[in-house]
Amino acid sequence: MRPLAAAAIRVGIVDENEMFALGLRAALSGQPRIDLPSEGPVDVAVVSPTAAGERSFACPLVLCGEPPARLAEGNQVLAVLPRSTLTPEQLLASIHAAAAGLRVSPPQVPVSSRLDGRRLDVLRLLAAGAGTHEIARHLGYSDRTIKSVVREIQLALGTRNRAQAVAEGVRQGLIGLSVET
């Protein structure tokens, strides 16, 4: 008795960037156990953040890009992949995992490696209560550069404002708060 061949995973691609969608299609075409139907139901959809935020899908999603602030109702994102460094191997592995109902998490980068010396210096000065102009003067950068560094810190720590960034920096042990009396 011959073993049954595994069924192909039907994959839909929904991305408003036509070139990116064509690249995804090219990376998946010819792959064993992957079917790219032009219509009909699919087992997994590879979608852009915009599509995930605006359309509801009846299958698990592999999201290419940063997750939107709000997903359309009923969407189940099982993998989030970076657009800029996406490899065909990552895409294929994520599709197989999503088809099996498994969630794919990117490897966690330690926060300390995301905050280098300049960012830590700026975070320490923020914790001390310094404003943009004062930090720029103290470190020898322009106000514009400091504002950009503060945004980088907020992104790295997953915070929305300076106060949250300081609180998260303290919570993660990146900086300490000194209380002067």
N, C-alpha and C. Protein backbone atom coordinates (compact mmCIF):
# COMPACT_ATOMS: atom_id res chain seq x y z
N MET A 1 0.84 -1.18 0.00
CA MET A 1 0.00 0.00 0.00
C MET A 1 0.89 1.24 0.00
N ARG A 2 0.64 2.17 -0.92
CA ARG A 2 1.43 3.40 -1.01
C ARG A 2 0.93 4.41 0.01
N PRO A 3 1.88 5.17 0.65
CA PRO A 3 1.45 6.21 1.57
C PRO A 3 0.75 7.33 0.79
N LEU A 4 -0.24 7.92 1.42
CA LEU A 4 -0.96 9.03 0.81
C LEU A 4 -0.07 10.26 0.75
N ALA A 5 -0.10 10.95 -0.37
CA ALA A 5 0.67 12.19 -0.50
C ALA A 5 -0.02 13.28 0.30
N ALA A 6 0.76 14.11 0.92
CA ALA A 6 0.20 15.21 1.71
C ALA A 6 -0.46 16.19 0.75
N ALA A 7 -1.60 16.71 1.17
CA ALA A 7 -2.33 17.67 0.35
C ALA A 7 -1.56 18.98 0.27
N ALA A 8 -1.67 19.64 -0.85
CA ALA A 8 -1.01 20.93 -1.03
C ALA A 8 -1.73 21.99 -0.20
N ILE A 9 -0.98 22.94 0.27
CA ILE A 9 -1.54 24.07 1.02
C ILE A 9 -1.92 25.14 -0.01
N ARG A 10 -3.19 25.50 -0.01
CA ARG A 10 -3.67 26.54 -0.92
C ARG A 10 -3.37 27.89 -0.28
N VAL A 11 -2.56 28.71 -0.96
CA VAL A 11 -2.08 29.99 -0.42
C VAL A 11 -2.60 31.14 -1.27
N GLY A 12 -3.23 32.11 -0.60
CA GLY A 12 -3.65 33.33 -1.26
C GLY A 12 -2.69 34.46 -0.91
N ILE A 13 -2.46 35.36 -1.84
CA ILE A 13 -1.58 36.50 -1.61
C ILE A 13 -2.39 37.77 -1.82
N VAL A 14 -2.44 38.62 -0.78
CA VAL A 14 -3.18 39.87 -0.87
C VAL A 14 -2.27 40.99 -0.39
N ASP A 15 -1.79 41.77 -1.35
CA ASP A 15 -0.90 42.88 -1.02
C ASP A 15 -1.11 43.97 -2.06
N GLU A 16 -1.32 45.20 -1.60
CA GLU A 16 -1.57 46.31 -2.52
C GLU A 16 -0.33 46.69 -3.33
N ASN A 17 0.86 46.30 -2.86
CA ASN A 17 2.09 46.55 -3.60
C ASN A 17 2.26 45.40 -4.60
N GLU A 18 1.95 45.68 -5.86
CA GLU A 18 1.95 44.65 -6.89
C GLU A 18 3.30 43.96 -7.04
N MET A 19 4.39 44.72 -6.96
CA MET A 19 5.72 44.13 -7.10
C MET A 19 6.04 43.19 -5.94
N PHE A 20 5.65 43.58 -4.73
CA PHE A 20 5.89 42.72 -3.58
C PHE A 20 5.07 41.44 -3.72
N ALA A 21 3.82 41.57 -4.14
CA ALA A 21 2.95 40.40 -4.32
C ALA A 21 3.53 39.47 -5.39
N LEU A 22 4.05 40.04 -6.48
CA LEU A 22 4.67 39.21 -7.52
C LEU A 22 5.91 38.49 -6.98
N GLY A 23 6.67 39.18 -6.13
CA GLY A 23 7.84 38.56 -5.52
C GLY A 23 7.45 37.39 -4.62
N LEU A 24 6.38 37.56 -3.85
CA LEU A 24 5.89 36.47 -3.00
C LEU A 24 5.45 35.29 -3.86
N ARG A 25 4.71 35.59 -4.90
CA ARG A 25 4.23 34.54 -5.81
C ARG A 25 5.41 33.79 -6.44
N ALA A 26 6.43 34.54 -6.87
CA ALA A 26 7.61 33.92 -7.49
C ALA A 26 8.34 33.04 -6.47
N ALA A 27 8.44 33.49 -5.23
CA ALA A 27 9.14 32.72 -4.19
C ALA A 27 8.40 31.41 -3.89
N LEU A 28 7.08 31.41 -4.06
CA LEU A 28 6.29 30.22 -3.70
C LEU A 28 5.99 29.31 -4.88
N SER A 29 6.03 29.85 -6.10
CA SER A 29 5.68 29.01 -7.25
C SER A 29 6.73 27.91 -7.41
N GLY A 30 6.23 26.74 -7.69
CA GLY A 30 7.12 25.60 -7.87
C GLY A 30 7.51 24.90 -6.58
N GLN A 31 7.12 25.45 -5.44
CA GLN A 31 7.43 24.81 -4.17
C GLN A 31 6.54 23.58 -3.99
N PRO A 32 7.11 22.47 -3.53
CA PRO A 32 6.27 21.29 -3.28
C PRO A 32 5.24 21.59 -2.19
N ARG A 33 4.07 21.03 -2.34
CA ARG A 33 2.96 21.16 -1.38
C ARG A 33 2.43 22.59 -1.26
N ILE A 34 2.70 23.45 -2.23
CA ILE A 34 2.15 24.81 -2.23
C ILE A 34 1.36 24.99 -3.53
N ASP A 35 0.11 25.41 -3.39
CA ASP A 35 -0.74 25.69 -4.53
C ASP A 35 -1.13 27.16 -4.45
N LEU A 36 -1.05 27.88 -5.55
CA LEU A 36 -1.38 29.31 -5.58
C LEU A 36 -2.61 29.52 -6.48
N PRO A 37 -3.80 29.19 -5.97
CA PRO A 37 -4.99 29.34 -6.81
C PRO A 37 -5.30 30.82 -7.07
N SER A 38 -5.83 31.11 -8.25
CA SER A 38 -6.17 32.50 -8.57
C SER A 38 -7.51 32.90 -7.97
N GLU A 39 -8.32 31.91 -7.60
CA GLU A 39 -9.60 32.20 -6.93
C GLU A 39 -10.02 30.99 -6.12
N GLY A 40 -11.04 31.19 -5.32
CA GLY A 40 -11.54 30.11 -4.49
C GLY A 40 -10.96 30.16 -3.08
N PRO A 41 -11.38 29.23 -2.24
CA PRO A 41 -10.92 29.24 -0.86
C PRO A 41 -9.44 28.89 -0.76
N VAL A 42 -8.80 29.43 0.28
CA VAL A 42 -7.39 29.15 0.54
C VAL A 42 -7.23 28.68 1.98
N ASP A 43 -6.12 27.99 2.24
CA ASP A 43 -5.83 27.50 3.58
C ASP A 43 -5.10 28.55 4.41
N VAL A 44 -4.27 29.35 3.77
CA VAL A 44 -3.46 30.39 4.42
C VAL A 44 -3.41 31.58 3.48
N ALA A 45 -3.51 32.78 4.03
CA ALA A 45 -3.36 33.99 3.23
C ALA A 45 -2.12 34.74 3.69
N VAL A 46 -1.28 35.14 2.74
CA VAL A 46 -0.12 35.99 3.00
C VAL A 46 -0.57 37.39 2.65
N VAL A 47 -0.62 38.27 3.67
CA VAL A 47 -1.25 39.58 3.47
C VAL A 47 -0.39 40.72 3.95
N SER A 48 -0.71 41.90 3.45
CA SER A 48 -0.06 43.14 3.90
C SER A 48 -0.77 43.62 5.16
N PRO A 49 -0.14 44.51 5.91
CA PRO A 49 -0.80 45.09 7.09
C PRO A 49 -2.11 45.80 6.72
N THR A 50 -2.13 46.48 5.58
CA THR A 50 -3.35 47.17 5.15
C THR A 50 -4.48 46.18 4.93
N ALA A 51 -4.20 45.09 4.22
CA ALA A 51 -5.22 44.08 3.96
C ALA A 51 -5.73 43.47 5.26
N ALA A 52 -4.83 43.19 6.21
CA ALA A 52 -5.23 42.60 7.49
C ALA A 52 -6.10 43.56 8.30
N GLY A 53 -5.88 44.85 8.12
CA GLY A 53 -6.67 45.84 8.86
C GLY A 53 -8.01 46.16 8.23
N GLU A 54 -8.12 45.93 6.92
CA GLU A 54 -9.34 46.33 6.21
C GLU A 54 -10.26 45.19 5.82
N ARG A 55 -9.71 43.98 5.63
CA ARG A 55 -10.50 42.84 5.14
C ARG A 55 -10.51 41.72 6.15
N SER A 56 -11.63 41.02 6.23
CA SER A 56 -11.71 39.83 7.08
C SER A 56 -11.39 38.61 6.23
N PHE A 57 -10.60 37.70 6.79
CA PHE A 57 -10.21 36.48 6.10
C PHE A 57 -10.71 35.29 6.91
N ALA A 58 -11.09 34.23 6.21
CA ALA A 58 -11.62 33.04 6.87
C ALA A 58 -10.54 31.99 7.11
N CYS A 59 -9.29 32.36 6.96
CA CYS A 59 -8.19 31.43 7.13
C CYS A 59 -7.09 32.11 7.95
N PRO A 60 -6.12 31.35 8.44
CA PRO A 60 -5.00 31.97 9.17
C PRO A 60 -4.20 32.89 8.25
N LEU A 61 -3.60 33.91 8.86
CA LEU A 61 -2.85 34.91 8.10
C LEU A 61 -1.36 34.85 8.42
N VAL A 62 -0.56 35.06 7.38
CA VAL A 62 0.86 35.34 7.52
C VAL A 62 0.99 36.79 7.09
N LEU A 63 1.35 37.64 8.02
CA LEU A 63 1.42 39.08 7.78
C LEU A 63 2.83 39.48 7.41
N CYS A 64 2.98 40.20 6.30
CA CYS A 64 4.30 40.70 5.88
C CYS A 64 4.36 42.18 6.16
N GLY A 65 5.00 42.54 7.25
CA GLY A 65 5.12 43.93 7.67
C GLY A 65 4.71 44.10 9.11
N GLU A 66 4.74 45.34 9.59
CA GLU A 66 4.34 45.64 10.97
C GLU A 66 2.83 45.46 11.13
N PRO A 67 2.39 44.81 12.20
CA PRO A 67 0.95 44.63 12.40
C PRO A 67 0.23 45.98 12.46
N PRO A 68 -0.96 46.06 11.87
CA PRO A 68 -1.70 47.32 11.94
C PRO A 68 -2.19 47.54 13.36
N ALA A 69 -2.54 48.78 13.67
CA ALA A 69 -3.04 49.11 15.00
C ALA A 69 -4.30 48.31 15.31
N ARG A 70 -5.07 48.02 14.27
CA ARG A 70 -6.32 47.29 14.47
C ARG A 70 -6.51 46.30 13.33
N LEU A 71 -6.82 45.05 13.67
CA LEU A 71 -7.10 44.03 12.67
C LEU A 71 -8.59 44.03 12.36
N ALA A 72 -8.94 43.68 11.12
CA ALA A 72 -10.34 43.50 10.78
C ALA A 72 -10.90 42.35 11.61
N GLU A 73 -12.17 42.42 11.89
CA GLU A 73 -12.81 41.44 12.76
C GLU A 73 -12.63 40.01 12.24
N GLY A 74 -12.27 39.12 13.15
CA GLY A 74 -12.14 37.70 12.84
C GLY A 74 -10.78 37.28 12.30
N ASN A 75 -9.90 38.21 12.02
CA ASN A 75 -8.60 37.83 11.48
C ASN A 75 -7.72 37.20 12.54
N GLN A 76 -7.06 36.11 12.15
CA GLN A 76 -6.16 35.39 13.04
C GLN A 76 -4.76 35.41 12.42
N VAL A 77 -3.90 36.27 12.95
CA VAL A 77 -2.52 36.38 12.46
C VAL A 77 -1.67 35.36 13.21
N LEU A 78 -1.09 34.42 12.46
CA LEU A 78 -0.26 33.40 13.09
C LEU A 78 1.23 33.63 12.86
N ALA A 79 1.57 34.54 11.96
CA ALA A 79 2.98 34.85 11.72
C ALA A 79 3.10 36.30 11.28
N VAL A 80 4.13 36.97 11.78
CA VAL A 80 4.45 38.33 11.36
C VAL A 80 5.89 38.31 10.87
N LEU A 81 6.06 38.66 9.60
CA LEU A 81 7.38 38.61 8.98
C LEU A 81 7.81 40.00 8.54
N PRO A 82 9.08 40.32 8.70
CA PRO A 82 9.57 41.63 8.25
C PRO A 82 9.67 41.68 6.74
N ARG A 83 9.14 42.73 6.14
CA ARG A 83 9.19 42.85 4.68
C ARG A 83 10.62 43.03 4.17
N SER A 84 11.40 43.84 4.87
CA SER A 84 12.71 44.22 4.35
C SER A 84 13.73 43.08 4.37
N THR A 85 13.59 42.13 5.28
CA THR A 85 14.59 41.06 5.38
C THR A 85 13.98 39.68 5.16
N LEU A 86 12.79 39.63 4.59
CA LEU A 86 12.08 38.37 4.38
C LEU A 86 12.83 37.48 3.40
N THR A 87 12.96 36.22 3.78
CA THR A 87 13.59 35.24 2.88
C THR A 87 12.52 34.24 2.43
N PRO A 88 12.73 33.60 1.27
CA PRO A 88 11.78 32.57 0.84
C PRO A 88 11.64 31.44 1.86
N GLU A 89 12.72 31.11 2.53
CA GLU A 89 12.68 30.04 3.53
C GLU A 89 11.77 30.42 4.70
N GLN A 90 11.90 31.68 5.18
CA GLN A 90 11.03 32.15 6.27
C GLN A 90 9.57 32.12 5.85
N LEU A 91 9.31 32.59 4.65
CA LEU A 91 7.94 32.63 4.14
C LEU A 91 7.36 31.23 4.07
N LEU A 92 8.09 30.31 3.48
CA LEU A 92 7.60 28.94 3.34
C LEU A 92 7.38 28.27 4.69
N ALA A 93 8.33 28.42 5.60
CA ALA A 93 8.19 27.82 6.93
C ALA A 93 6.99 28.40 7.67
N SER A 94 6.77 29.71 7.53
CA SER A 94 5.64 30.36 8.21
C SER A 94 4.31 29.89 7.64
N ILE A 95 4.25 29.68 6.33
CA ILE A 95 3.02 29.18 5.69
C ILE A 95 2.71 27.78 6.20
N HIS A 96 3.73 26.92 6.23
CA HIS A 96 3.51 25.55 6.73
C HIS A 96 3.06 25.57 8.19
N ALA A 97 3.69 26.41 9.00
CA ALA A 97 3.31 26.50 10.41
C ALA A 97 1.87 27.01 10.56
N ALA A 98 1.53 28.07 9.82
CA ALA A 98 0.17 28.63 9.91
C ALA A 98 -0.87 27.61 9.45
N ALA A 99 -0.56 26.85 8.41
CA ALA A 99 -1.50 25.82 7.94
C ALA A 99 -1.72 24.75 8.99
N ALA A 100 -0.71 24.52 9.83
CA ALA A 100 -0.83 23.54 10.91
C ALA A 100 -1.42 24.16 12.17
N GLY A 101 -1.74 25.47 12.12
CA GLY A 101 -2.32 26.15 13.28
C GLY A 101 -1.30 26.61 14.30
N LEU A 102 -0.03 26.66 13.91
CA LEU A 102 1.02 27.07 14.83
C LEU A 102 1.34 28.55 14.66
N ARG A 103 1.62 29.21 15.76
CA ARG A 103 2.00 30.62 15.75
C ARG A 103 3.51 30.73 15.59
N VAL A 104 3.94 31.66 14.74
CA VAL A 104 5.36 31.89 14.50
C VAL A 104 5.74 33.21 15.15
N SER A 105 6.73 33.17 16.01
CA SER A 105 7.22 34.37 16.67
C SER A 105 8.63 34.66 16.20
N PRO A 106 8.92 35.92 15.88
CA PRO A 106 10.29 36.23 15.49
C PRO A 106 11.20 36.08 16.70
N PRO A 107 12.47 35.77 16.48
CA PRO A 107 13.38 35.66 17.62
C PRO A 107 13.46 36.99 18.35
N GLN A 108 13.45 36.93 19.65
CA GLN A 108 13.50 38.16 20.44
C GLN A 108 14.93 38.69 20.49
N VAL A 109 15.06 39.94 20.15
CA VAL A 109 16.35 40.61 20.23
C VAL A 109 16.44 41.23 21.62
N PRO A 110 17.48 40.95 22.38
CA PRO A 110 17.57 41.56 23.70
C PRO A 110 17.52 43.08 23.58
N VAL A 111 16.76 43.69 24.49
CA VAL A 111 16.58 45.14 24.44
C VAL A 111 17.92 45.85 24.51
N SER A 112 18.84 45.35 25.32
CA SER A 112 20.12 46.04 25.45
C SER A 112 20.83 46.15 24.12
N SER A 113 20.64 45.17 23.22
CA SER A 113 21.29 45.28 21.92
C SER A 113 20.54 46.23 21.00
N ARG A 114 19.27 46.53 21.32
CA ARG A 114 18.50 47.48 20.53
C ARG A 114 18.78 48.92 20.96
N LEU A 115 19.33 49.09 22.14
CA LEU A 115 19.64 50.42 22.64
C LEU A 115 21.14 50.54 22.81
N ASP A 116 21.77 51.20 21.86
CA ASP A 116 23.22 51.37 21.95
C ASP A 116 23.56 52.55 22.86
N GLY A 117 24.82 52.92 22.90
CA GLY A 117 25.29 53.97 23.82
C GLY A 117 24.55 55.28 23.72
N ARG A 118 24.37 55.80 22.49
CA ARG A 118 23.72 57.10 22.35
C ARG A 118 22.27 57.03 22.81
N ARG A 119 21.58 55.97 22.45
CA ARG A 119 20.17 55.84 22.85
C ARG A 119 20.06 55.72 24.38
N LEU A 120 20.97 54.96 24.97
CA LEU A 120 20.95 54.85 26.44
C LEU A 120 21.25 56.19 27.09
N ASP A 121 22.19 56.94 26.53
CA ASP A 121 22.49 58.28 27.07
C ASP A 121 21.26 59.17 27.01
N VAL A 122 20.57 59.15 25.88
CA VAL A 122 19.36 59.97 25.74
C VAL A 122 18.30 59.50 26.72
N LEU A 123 18.12 58.19 26.86
CA LEU A 123 17.12 57.67 27.80
C LEU A 123 17.46 58.08 29.24
N ARG A 124 18.72 58.03 29.61
CA ARG A 124 19.12 58.45 30.96
C ARG A 124 18.81 59.94 31.19
N LEU A 125 19.09 60.77 30.18
CA LEU A 125 18.80 62.19 30.32
C LEU A 125 17.30 62.46 30.35
N LEU A 126 16.53 61.68 29.60
CA LEU A 126 15.07 61.80 29.69
C LEU A 126 14.60 61.46 31.10
N ALA A 127 15.17 60.42 31.66
CA ALA A 127 14.80 60.00 33.02
C ALA A 127 15.15 61.07 34.04
N ALA A 128 16.21 61.83 33.74
CA ALA A 128 16.61 62.90 34.65
C ALA A 128 15.75 64.16 34.47
N GLY A 129 14.83 64.12 33.50
CA GLY A 129 13.92 65.24 33.30
C GLY A 129 14.37 66.24 32.25
N ALA A 130 15.41 65.94 31.50
CA ALA A 130 15.91 66.87 30.49
C ALA A 130 14.99 66.90 29.28
N GLY A 131 14.87 68.05 28.68
CA GLY A 131 14.08 68.22 27.46
C GLY A 131 14.96 68.04 26.23
N THR A 132 14.33 68.12 25.08
CA THR A 132 15.03 67.91 23.81
C THR A 132 16.23 68.84 23.65
N HIS A 133 16.01 70.12 23.84
CA HIS A 133 17.07 71.10 23.63
C HIS A 133 18.23 70.87 24.61
N GLU A 134 17.89 70.60 25.86
CA GLU A 134 18.93 70.36 26.88
C GLU A 134 19.75 69.11 26.54
N ILE A 135 19.08 68.04 26.10
CA ILE A 135 19.78 66.81 25.73
C ILE A 135 20.69 67.07 24.53
N ALA A 136 20.17 67.79 23.54
CA ALA A 136 20.96 68.09 22.34
C ALA A 136 22.21 68.88 22.70
N ARG A 137 22.06 69.88 23.54
CA ARG A 137 23.20 70.70 23.96
C ARG A 137 24.21 69.86 24.73
N HIS A 138 23.73 69.02 25.65
CA HIS A 138 24.59 68.20 26.50
C HIS A 138 25.39 67.18 25.67
N LEU A 139 24.75 66.57 24.65
CA LEU A 139 25.41 65.52 23.88
C LEU A 139 26.05 66.01 22.59
N GLY A 140 25.79 67.26 22.24
CA GLY A 140 26.41 67.83 21.04
C GLY A 140 25.71 67.44 19.75
N TYR A 141 24.41 67.22 19.80
CA TYR A 141 23.62 66.89 18.61
C TYR A 141 22.59 67.99 18.39
N SER A 142 21.94 67.96 17.23
CA SER A 142 20.87 68.91 16.95
C SER A 142 19.58 68.45 17.64
N ASP A 143 18.66 69.39 17.83
CA ASP A 143 17.35 69.05 18.40
C ASP A 143 16.66 67.99 17.55
N ARG A 144 16.78 68.14 16.24
CA ARG A 144 16.14 67.20 15.31
C ARG A 144 16.69 65.79 15.50
N THR A 145 17.99 65.66 15.68
CA THR A 145 18.61 64.35 15.89
C THR A 145 18.10 63.73 17.18
N ILE A 146 18.01 64.53 18.22
CA ILE A 146 17.53 64.00 19.51
C ILE A 146 16.08 63.55 19.40
N LYS A 147 15.25 64.31 18.70
CA LYS A 147 13.85 63.89 18.51
C LYS A 147 13.80 62.55 17.77
N SER A 148 14.67 62.38 16.79
CA SER A 148 14.73 61.12 16.05
C SER A 148 15.19 59.98 16.95
N VAL A 149 16.18 60.22 17.79
CA VAL A 149 16.67 59.20 18.71
C VAL A 149 15.59 58.82 19.72
N VAL A 150 14.83 59.80 20.19
CA VAL A 150 13.74 59.52 21.12
C VAL A 150 12.70 58.61 20.45
N ARG A 151 12.37 58.89 19.17
CA ARG A 151 11.44 58.02 18.45
C ARG A 151 12.00 56.60 18.32
N GLU A 152 13.31 56.48 18.05
CA GLU A 152 13.94 55.15 17.96
C GLU A 152 13.84 54.41 19.29
N ILE A 153 14.04 55.13 20.38
CA ILE A 153 13.94 54.53 21.72
C ILE A 153 12.52 54.03 21.95
N GLN A 154 11.54 54.86 21.63
CA GLN A 154 10.15 54.48 21.82
C GLN A 154 9.80 53.24 21.01
N LEU A 155 10.27 53.17 19.76
CA LEU A 155 10.02 51.99 18.93
C LEU A 155 10.69 50.75 19.52
N ALA A 156 11.94 50.90 19.94
CA ALA A 156 12.68 49.76 20.47
C ALA A 156 12.05 49.22 21.75
N LEU A 157 11.49 50.11 22.55
CA LEU A 157 10.89 49.69 23.83
C LEU A 157 9.40 49.42 23.71
N GLY A 158 8.82 49.71 22.55
CA GLY A 158 7.39 49.48 22.36
C GLY A 158 6.52 50.43 23.15
N THR A 159 6.96 51.68 23.25
CA THR A 159 6.20 52.67 24.02
C THR A 159 5.70 53.78 23.11
N ARG A 160 4.78 54.60 23.64
CA ARG A 160 4.15 55.64 22.83
C ARG A 160 4.63 57.05 23.15
N ASN A 161 5.23 57.23 24.31
CA ASN A 161 5.70 58.57 24.65
C ASN A 161 6.94 58.47 25.53
N ARG A 162 7.50 59.64 25.84
CA ARG A 162 8.75 59.68 26.59
C ARG A 162 8.61 59.11 28.00
N ALA A 163 7.53 59.42 28.65
CA ALA A 163 7.33 58.93 30.02
C ALA A 163 7.25 57.41 30.04
N GLN A 164 6.53 56.83 29.08
CA GLN A 164 6.45 55.37 29.00
C GLN A 164 7.82 54.77 28.69
N ALA A 165 8.59 55.44 27.85
CA ALA A 165 9.93 54.94 27.51
C ALA A 165 10.81 54.90 28.75
N VAL A 166 10.76 55.95 29.54
CA VAL A 166 11.55 55.99 30.78
C VAL A 166 11.09 54.88 31.72
N ALA A 167 9.78 54.74 31.88
CA ALA A 167 9.25 53.71 32.78
C ALA A 167 9.67 52.32 32.31
N GLU A 168 9.60 52.08 31.01
CA GLU A 168 9.99 50.77 30.47
C GLU A 168 11.49 50.55 30.61
N GLY A 169 12.28 51.60 30.43
CA GLY A 169 13.73 51.50 30.62
C GLY A 169 14.08 51.13 32.05
N VAL A 170 13.36 51.70 32.99
CA VAL A 170 13.58 51.37 34.41
C VAL A 170 13.12 49.94 34.67
N ARG A 171 11.95 49.57 34.16
CA ARG A 171 11.41 48.23 34.38
C ARG A 171 12.35 47.15 33.84
N GLN A 172 12.96 47.42 32.71
CA GLN A 172 13.86 46.44 32.11
C GLN A 172 15.30 46.52 32.63
N GLY A 173 15.53 47.44 33.55
CA GLY A 173 16.84 47.54 34.16
C GLY A 173 17.88 48.22 33.28
N LEU A 174 17.42 48.93 32.25
CA LEU A 174 18.36 49.62 31.36
C LEU A 174 18.90 50.89 32.01
N ILE A 175 18.06 51.52 32.82
CA ILE A 175 18.45 52.74 33.53
C ILE A 175 17.91 52.65 34.94
N GLY A 176 18.51 53.41 35.81
CA GLY A 176 18.03 53.50 37.18
C GLY A 176 17.55 54.91 37.45
N LEU A 177 16.66 55.04 38.36
CA LEU A 177 16.20 56.38 38.74
C LEU A 177 16.90 56.76 40.05
N SER A 178 17.51 57.91 40.03
CA SER A 178 18.13 58.39 41.27
C SER A 178 17.21 59.44 41.87
N VAL A 179 16.95 59.28 43.15
CA VAL A 179 16.09 60.21 43.84
C VAL A 179 16.98 61.10 44.70
N GLU A 180 16.95 62.39 44.40
CA GLU A 180 17.75 63.34 45.18
C GLU A 180 16.85 64.01 46.20
N THR A 181 17.37 64.17 47.40
CA THR A 181 16.58 64.84 48.45
C THR A 181 17.23 66.13 48.86
